[in-house]
Structure formats: C-alpha cells, structure tokens
PDB file of all heavy atoms in Angstrom:
ATOM      1  N   ILE A   1       1.491   8.442  -2.367  1.00  0.00           N
ATOM      2  CA  ILE A   1       0.401   7.511  -2.039  1.00  0.00           C
ATOM      3  C   ILE A   1      -0.718   7.755  -3.041  1.00  0.00           C
ATOM      4  O   ILE A   1      -1.330   8.832  -3.037  1.00  0.00           O
ATOM      5  CB  ILE A   1      -0.095   7.664  -0.591  1.00  0.00           C
ATOM      6  CG1 ILE A   1       1.046   7.355   0.382  1.00  0.00           C
ATOM      7  CG2 ILE A   1      -1.303   6.746  -0.358  1.00  0.00           C
ATOM      8  CD1 ILE A   1       0.654   7.578   1.847  1.00  0.00           C
ATOM      9  N   ASP A   2      -1.028   6.770  -3.891  1.00  0.00           N
ATOM     10  CA  ASP A   2      -2.041   6.919  -4.934  1.00  0.00           C
ATOM     11  C   ASP A   2      -3.444   6.543  -4.411  1.00  0.00           C
ATOM     12  O   ASP A   2      -4.416   7.212  -4.806  1.00  0.00           O
ATOM     13  CB  ASP A   2      -1.698   6.016  -6.109  1.00  0.00           C
ATOM     14  CG  ASP A   2      -0.319   6.279  -6.665  1.00  0.00           C
ATOM     15  OD1 ASP A   2       0.103   7.433  -6.731  1.00  0.00           O
ATOM     16  OD2 ASP A   2       0.373   5.259  -7.003  1.00  0.00           O
ATOM     17  N   ARG A   3      -3.503   5.595  -3.556  1.00  0.00           N
ATOM     18  CA  ARG A   3      -4.824   5.109  -3.106  1.00  0.00           C
ATOM     19  C   ARG A   3      -4.665   4.355  -1.792  1.00  0.00           C
ATOM     20  O   ARG A   3      -3.659   3.683  -1.556  1.00  0.00           O
ATOM     21  CB  ARG A   3      -5.465   4.221  -4.183  1.00  0.00           C
ATOM     22  CG  ARG A   3      -6.921   3.857  -3.880  1.00  0.00           C
ATOM     23  CD  ARG A   3      -7.601   3.313  -5.076  1.00  0.00           C
ATOM     24  NE  ARG A   3      -7.224   1.949  -5.425  1.00  0.00           N
ATOM     25  CZ  ARG A   3      -6.600   1.600  -6.548  1.00  0.00           C
ATOM     26  NH1 ARG A   3      -6.253   2.525  -7.406  1.00  0.00           N
ATOM     27  NH2 ARG A   3      -6.308   0.347  -6.792  1.00  0.00           N
ATOM     28  N   ILE A   4      -5.661   4.455  -0.902  1.00  0.00           N
ATOM     29  CA  ILE A   4      -5.677   3.704   0.345  1.00  0.00           C
ATOM     30  C   ILE A   4      -7.019   2.963   0.431  1.00  0.00           C
ATOM     31  O   ILE A   4      -8.075   3.588   0.218  1.00  0.00           O
ATOM     32  CB  ILE A   4      -5.553   4.633   1.579  1.00  0.00           C
ATOM     33  CG1 ILE A   4      -4.307   5.535   1.461  1.00  0.00           C
ATOM     34  CG2 ILE A   4      -5.509   3.806   2.854  1.00  0.00           C
ATOM     35  CD1 ILE A   4      -4.175   6.555   2.586  1.00  0.00           C
ATOM     36  N   ASN A   5      -6.958   1.686   0.712  1.00  0.00           N
ATOM     37  CA  ASN A   5      -8.174   0.867   0.888  1.00  0.00           C
ATOM     38  C   ASN A   5      -8.107   0.093   2.183  1.00  0.00           C
ATOM     39  O   ASN A   5      -7.013  -0.350   2.583  1.00  0.00           O
ATOM     40  CB  ASN A   5      -8.329  -0.160  -0.248  1.00  0.00           C
ATOM     41  CG  ASN A   5      -8.605   0.496  -1.597  1.00  0.00           C
ATOM     42  OD1 ASN A   5      -9.359   1.467  -1.690  1.00  0.00           O
ATOM     43  ND2 ASN A   5      -7.962  -0.038  -2.637  1.00  0.00           N
ATOM     44  N   GLY A   6      -9.224  -0.056   2.824  1.00  0.00           N
ATOM     45  CA  GLY A   6      -9.285  -0.954   3.987  1.00  0.00           C
ATOM     46  C   GLY A   6      -9.300  -2.412   3.500  1.00  0.00           C
ATOM     47  O   GLY A   6     -10.013  -2.692   2.527  1.00  0.00           O
ATOM     48  N   ILE A   7      -8.501  -3.283   4.094  1.00  0.00           N
ATOM     49  CA  ILE A   7      -8.429  -4.646   3.668  1.00  0.00           C
ATOM     50  C   ILE A   7      -8.849  -5.621   4.778  1.00  0.00           C
ATOM     51  O   ILE A   7      -9.139  -6.787   4.521  1.00  0.00           O
ATOM     52  CB  ILE A   7      -7.012  -5.000   3.149  1.00  0.00           C
ATOM     53  CG1 ILE A   7      -7.034  -6.286   2.298  1.00  0.00           C
ATOM     54  CG2 ILE A   7      -6.017  -5.076   4.260  1.00  0.00           C
ATOM     55  CD1 ILE A   7      -5.758  -6.528   1.577  1.00  0.00           C
ATOM     56  N   SER A   8      -8.836  -5.166   6.021  1.00  0.00           N
ATOM     57  CA  SER A   8      -9.256  -6.024   7.125  1.00  0.00           C
ATOM     58  C   SER A   8      -9.761  -5.177   8.281  1.00  0.00           C
ATOM     59  O   SER A   8      -9.236  -4.124   8.574  1.00  0.00           O
ATOM     60  CB  SER A   8      -8.072  -6.868   7.581  1.00  0.00           C
ATOM     61  OG  SER A   8      -8.358  -7.517   8.853  1.00  0.00           O
ATOM     62  N   ASN A   9     -10.800  -5.673   8.967  1.00  0.00           N
ATOM     63  CA  ASN A   9     -11.268  -5.049  10.202  1.00  0.00           C
ATOM     64  C   ASN A   9     -11.362  -6.075  11.339  1.00  0.00           C
ATOM     65  O   ASN A   9     -11.909  -5.761  12.382  1.00  0.00           O
ATOM     66  CB  ASN A   9     -12.625  -4.374   9.979  1.00  0.00           C
ATOM     67  CG  ASN A   9     -13.703  -5.289   9.500  1.00  0.00           C
ATOM     68  OD1 ASN A   9     -13.546  -6.530   9.508  1.00  0.00           O
ATOM     69  ND2 ASN A   9     -14.825  -4.714   9.104  1.00  0.00           N
ATOM     70  N   TYR A  10     -10.731  -7.258  11.121  1.00  0.00           N
ATOM     71  CA  TYR A  10     -10.776  -8.304  12.136  1.00  0.00           C
ATOM     72  C   TYR A  10      -9.855  -9.441  11.742  1.00  0.00           C
ATOM     73  O   TYR A  10      -9.837  -9.797  10.552  1.00  0.00           O
ATOM     74  CB  TYR A  10     -12.208  -8.861  12.291  1.00  0.00           C
ATOM     75  CG  TYR A  10     -12.369  -9.954  13.324  1.00  0.00           C
ATOM     76  CD1 TYR A  10     -12.451  -9.659  14.653  1.00  0.00           C
ATOM     77  CD2 TYR A  10     -12.416 -11.285  12.892  1.00  0.00           C
ATOM     78  CE1 TYR A  10     -12.591 -10.680  15.563  1.00  0.00           C
ATOM     79  CE2 TYR A  10     -12.578 -12.310  13.825  1.00  0.00           C
ATOM     80  CZ  TYR A  10     -12.658 -12.002  15.158  1.00  0.00           C
ATOM     81  OH  TYR A  10     -12.810 -13.002  16.080  1.00  0.00           O
ATOM     82  N   PRO A  11      -9.015  -9.956  12.609  1.00  0.00           N
ATOM     83  CA  PRO A  11      -8.776  -9.604  14.021  1.00  0.00           C
ATOM     84  C   PRO A  11      -7.841  -8.402  14.190  1.00  0.00           C
ATOM     85  O   PRO A  11      -7.568  -8.002  15.309  1.00  0.00           O
ATOM     86  CB  PRO A  11      -8.170 -10.896  14.597  1.00  0.00           C
ATOM     87  CG  PRO A  11      -7.383 -11.445  13.450  1.00  0.00           C
ATOM     88  CD  PRO A  11      -8.205 -11.130  12.212  1.00  0.00           C
ATOM     89  N   VAL A  12      -7.287  -7.912  13.054  1.00  0.00           N
ATOM     90  CA  VAL A  12      -6.522  -6.670  13.070  1.00  0.00           C
ATOM     91  C   VAL A  12      -7.072  -5.739  12.062  1.00  0.00           C
ATOM     92  O   VAL A  12      -7.816  -6.141  11.169  1.00  0.00           O
ATOM     93  CB  VAL A  12      -5.008  -6.974  12.743  1.00  0.00           C
ATOM     94  CG1 VAL A  12      -4.372  -7.823  13.832  1.00  0.00           C
ATOM     95  CG2 VAL A  12      -4.878  -7.625  11.399  1.00  0.00           C
ATOM     96  N   THR A  13      -6.764  -4.450  12.230  1.00  0.00           N
ATOM     97  CA  THR A  13      -7.112  -3.466  11.199  1.00  0.00           C
ATOM     98  C   THR A  13      -6.053  -3.500  10.104  1.00  0.00           C
ATOM     99  O   THR A  13      -4.854  -3.479  10.397  1.00  0.00           O
ATOM    100  CB  THR A  13      -7.209  -2.071  11.783  1.00  0.00           C
ATOM    101  OG1 THR A  13      -8.205  -2.026  12.763  1.00  0.00           O
ATOM    102  CG2 THR A  13      -7.510  -1.037  10.710  1.00  0.00           C
ATOM    103  N   GLY A  14      -6.477  -3.647   8.855  1.00  0.00           N
ATOM    104  CA  GLY A  14      -5.528  -3.689   7.767  1.00  0.00           C
ATOM    105  C   GLY A  14      -5.812  -2.614   6.725  1.00  0.00           C
ATOM    106  O   GLY A  14      -6.958  -2.426   6.336  1.00  0.00           O
ATOM    107  N   LEU A  15      -4.789  -1.880   6.317  1.00  0.00           N
ATOM    108  CA  LEU A  15      -4.918  -0.848   5.322  1.00  0.00           C
ATOM    109  C   LEU A  15      -3.948  -1.163   4.198  1.00  0.00           C
ATOM    110  O   LEU A  15      -2.803  -1.529   4.460  1.00  0.00           O
ATOM    111  CB  LEU A  15      -4.593   0.531   5.883  1.00  0.00           C
ATOM    112  CG  LEU A  15      -5.467   1.009   7.067  1.00  0.00           C
ATOM    113  CD1 LEU A  15      -4.976   2.355   7.550  1.00  0.00           C
ATOM    114  CD2 LEU A  15      -6.935   1.085   6.648  1.00  0.00           C
ATOM    115  N   GLU A  16      -4.401  -1.023   2.958  1.00  0.00           N
ATOM    116  CA  GLU A  16      -3.552  -1.265   1.790  1.00  0.00           C
ATOM    117  C   GLU A  16      -3.303   0.064   1.079  1.00  0.00           C
ATOM    118  O   GLU A  16      -4.239   0.767   0.685  1.00  0.00           O
ATOM    119  CB  GLU A  16      -4.265  -2.230   0.844  1.00  0.00           C
ATOM    120  CG  GLU A  16      -3.420  -2.616  -0.372  1.00  0.00           C
ATOM    121  CD  GLU A  16      -4.164  -3.590  -1.297  1.00  0.00           C
ATOM    122  OE1 GLU A  16      -5.013  -3.114  -2.061  1.00  0.00           O
ATOM    123  OE2 GLU A  16      -3.900  -4.816  -1.181  1.00  0.00           O
ATOM    124  N   PHE A  17      -2.025   0.389   0.953  1.00  0.00           N
ATOM    125  CA  PHE A  17      -1.578   1.610   0.295  1.00  0.00           C
ATOM    126  C   PHE A  17      -0.951   1.269  -1.059  1.00  0.00           C
ATOM    127  O   PHE A  17       0.000   0.520  -1.114  1.00  0.00           O
ATOM    128  CB  PHE A  17      -0.523   2.351   1.162  1.00  0.00           C
ATOM    129  CG  PHE A  17      -0.985   2.743   2.540  1.00  0.00           C
ATOM    130  CD1 PHE A  17      -1.048   1.780   3.547  1.00  0.00           C
ATOM    131  CD2 PHE A  17      -1.335   4.050   2.852  1.00  0.00           C
ATOM    132  CE1 PHE A  17      -1.475   2.112   4.830  1.00  0.00           C
ATOM    133  CE2 PHE A  17      -1.723   4.397   4.108  1.00  0.00           C
ATOM    134  CZ  PHE A  17      -1.796   3.449   5.114  1.00  0.00           C
ATOM    135  N   ARG A  18      -1.475   1.883  -2.095  1.00  0.00           N
ATOM    136  CA  ARG A  18      -0.839   1.751  -3.411  1.00  0.00           C
ATOM    137  C   ARG A  18      -0.024   3.035  -3.604  1.00  0.00           C
ATOM    138  O   ARG A  18      -0.521   4.153  -3.496  1.00  0.00           O
ATOM    139  CB  ARG A  18      -1.898   1.628  -4.525  1.00  0.00           C
ATOM    140  CG  ARG A  18      -2.588   0.276  -4.439  1.00  0.00           C
ATOM    141  CD  ARG A  18      -3.435  -0.010  -5.659  1.00  0.00           C
ATOM    142  NE  ARG A  18      -3.880  -1.430  -5.620  1.00  0.00           N
ATOM    143  CZ  ARG A  18      -3.219  -2.424  -6.143  1.00  0.00           C
ATOM    144  NH1 ARG A  18      -2.047  -2.208  -6.770  1.00  0.00           N
ATOM    145  NH2 ARG A  18      -3.661  -3.669  -6.044  1.00  0.00           N
ATOM    146  N   VAL A  19       1.269   2.821  -3.847  1.00  0.00           N
ATOM    147  CA  VAL A  19       2.222   3.921  -3.891  1.00  0.00           C
ATOM    148  C   VAL A  19       3.023   3.903  -5.150  1.00  0.00           C
ATOM    149  O   VAL A  19       3.178   2.865  -5.797  1.00  0.00           O
ATOM    150  CB  VAL A  19       3.139   3.944  -2.650  1.00  0.00           C
ATOM    151  CG1 VAL A  19       2.339   3.942  -1.360  1.00  0.00           C
ATOM    152  CG2 VAL A  19       4.069   2.751  -2.698  1.00  0.00           C
ATOM    153  N   THR A  20       3.582   5.062  -5.531  1.00  0.00           N
ATOM    154  CA  THR A  20       4.444   5.141  -6.702  1.00  0.00           C
ATOM    155  C   THR A  20       5.775   5.693  -6.238  1.00  0.00           C
ATOM    156  O   THR A  20       5.864   6.792  -5.640  1.00  0.00           O
ATOM    157  CB  THR A  20       3.860   6.075  -7.762  1.00  0.00           C
ATOM    158  OG1 THR A  20       2.583   5.566  -8.190  1.00  0.00           O
ATOM    159  CG2 THR A  20       4.789   6.186  -8.973  1.00  0.00           C
ATOM    160  N   LEU A  21       6.850   4.914  -6.479  1.00  0.00           N
ATOM    161  CA  LEU A  21       8.202   5.379  -6.184  1.00  0.00           C
ATOM    162  C   LEU A  21       8.736   6.051  -7.418  1.00  0.00           C
ATOM    163  O   LEU A  21       8.490   5.608  -8.554  1.00  0.00           O
ATOM    164  CB  LEU A  21       9.093   4.199  -5.806  1.00  0.00           C
ATOM    165  CG  LEU A  21       8.736   3.388  -4.565  1.00  0.00           C
ATOM    166  CD1 LEU A  21       9.828   2.352  -4.265  1.00  0.00           C
ATOM    167  CD2 LEU A  21       8.527   4.286  -3.361  1.00  0.00           C
ATOM    168  N   PRO A  22       9.486   7.135  -7.239  1.00  0.00           N
ATOM    169  CA  PRO A  22      10.009   7.885  -8.405  1.00  0.00           C
ATOM    170  C   PRO A  22      11.000   7.054  -9.241  1.00  0.00           C
ATOM    171  O   PRO A  22      11.072   7.237 -10.444  1.00  0.00           O
ATOM    172  CB  PRO A  22      10.706   9.065  -7.771  1.00  0.00           C
ATOM    173  CG  PRO A  22      10.995   8.677  -6.377  1.00  0.00           C
ATOM    174  CD  PRO A  22       9.878   7.780  -5.993  1.00  0.00           C
ATOM    175  N   ASP A  23      11.685   6.126  -8.576  1.00  0.00           N
ATOM    176  CA  ASP A  23      12.622   5.215  -9.294  1.00  0.00           C
ATOM    177  C   ASP A  23      12.160   3.781  -9.039  1.00  0.00           C
ATOM    178  O   ASP A  23      12.337   3.293  -7.944  1.00  0.00           O
ATOM    179  CB  ASP A  23      14.061   5.418  -8.807  1.00  0.00           C
ATOM    180  CG  ASP A  23      15.029   4.376  -9.416  1.00  0.00           C
ATOM    181  OD1 ASP A  23      14.648   3.732 -10.408  1.00  0.00           O
ATOM    182  OD2 ASP A  23      16.099   4.198  -8.829  1.00  0.00           O
ATOM    183  N   TYR A  24      11.527   3.158 -10.035  1.00  0.00           N
ATOM    184  CA  TYR A  24      11.032   1.797  -9.789  1.00  0.00           C
ATOM    185  C   TYR A  24      11.789   0.780 -10.641  1.00  0.00           C
ATOM    186  O   TYR A  24      11.212  -0.213 -11.082  1.00  0.00           O
ATOM    187  CB  TYR A  24       9.531   1.711 -10.037  1.00  0.00           C
ATOM    188  CG  TYR A  24       9.012   2.179 -11.391  1.00  0.00           C
ATOM    189  CD1 TYR A  24       8.889   1.340 -12.438  1.00  0.00           C
ATOM    190  CD2 TYR A  24       8.636   3.514 -11.528  1.00  0.00           C
ATOM    191  CE1 TYR A  24       8.384   1.796 -13.654  1.00  0.00           C
ATOM    192  CE2 TYR A  24       8.146   3.987 -12.735  1.00  0.00           C
ATOM    193  CZ  TYR A  24       8.028   3.112 -13.800  1.00  0.00           C
ATOM    194  OH  TYR A  24       7.544   3.561 -14.998  1.00  0.00           O
ATOM    195  N   SER A  25      13.074   0.993 -10.792  1.00  0.00           N
ATOM    196  CA  SER A  25      13.923   0.014 -11.420  1.00  0.00           C
ATOM    197  C   SER A  25      14.118  -1.163 -10.449  1.00  0.00           C
ATOM    198  O   SER A  25      13.925  -0.999  -9.229  1.00  0.00           O
ATOM    199  CB  SER A  25      15.266   0.596 -11.797  1.00  0.00           C
ATOM    200  OG  SER A  25      15.917   1.161 -10.690  1.00  0.00           O
ATOM    201  N   PRO A  26      14.536  -2.376 -10.922  1.00  0.00           N
ATOM    202  CA  PRO A  26      14.747  -3.514 -10.031  1.00  0.00           C
ATOM    203  C   PRO A  26      15.650  -3.165  -8.849  1.00  0.00           C
ATOM    204  O   PRO A  26      16.733  -2.549  -9.028  1.00  0.00           O
ATOM    205  CB  PRO A  26      15.389  -4.546 -10.944  1.00  0.00           C
ATOM    206  CG  PRO A  26      14.854  -4.212 -12.325  1.00  0.00           C
ATOM    207  CD  PRO A  26      14.754  -2.723 -12.321  1.00  0.00           C
ATOM    208  N   GLY A  27      15.189  -3.452  -7.626  1.00  0.00           N
ATOM    209  CA  GLY A  27      15.992  -3.207  -6.438  1.00  0.00           C
ATOM    210  C   GLY A  27      15.841  -1.821  -5.887  1.00  0.00           C
ATOM    211  O   GLY A  27      16.424  -1.465  -4.867  1.00  0.00           O
ATOM    212  N   SER A  28      15.057  -0.954  -6.548  1.00  0.00           N
ATOM    213  CA  SER A  28      14.962   0.419  -6.169  1.00  0.00           C
ATOM    214  C   SER A  28      14.226   0.599  -4.816  1.00  0.00           C
ATOM    215  O   SER A  28      14.381   1.615  -4.161  1.00  0.00           O
ATOM    216  CB  SER A  28      14.226   1.252  -7.213  1.00  0.00           C
ATOM    217  OG  SER A  28      12.902   0.771  -7.402  1.00  0.00           O
TER     218      SER A  28
END
C-alpha cells in the first residue's frame, strides 16, 4: 500500500488505496 486518501465522508465513508502489485503484467 503506497498511499491512502479519504475520498468520501457522505453518504458512505470512502477510502482510496494506491497499491503496487509485484507482478503487474496484463491480467495479473
């Protein structure tokens, strides 16, 4: 997990996670 940002606080709580997968080839 590289970064976490809040994206919504109404009507639901929303969190956005930017992540890095070790294998990011198509379909990985």
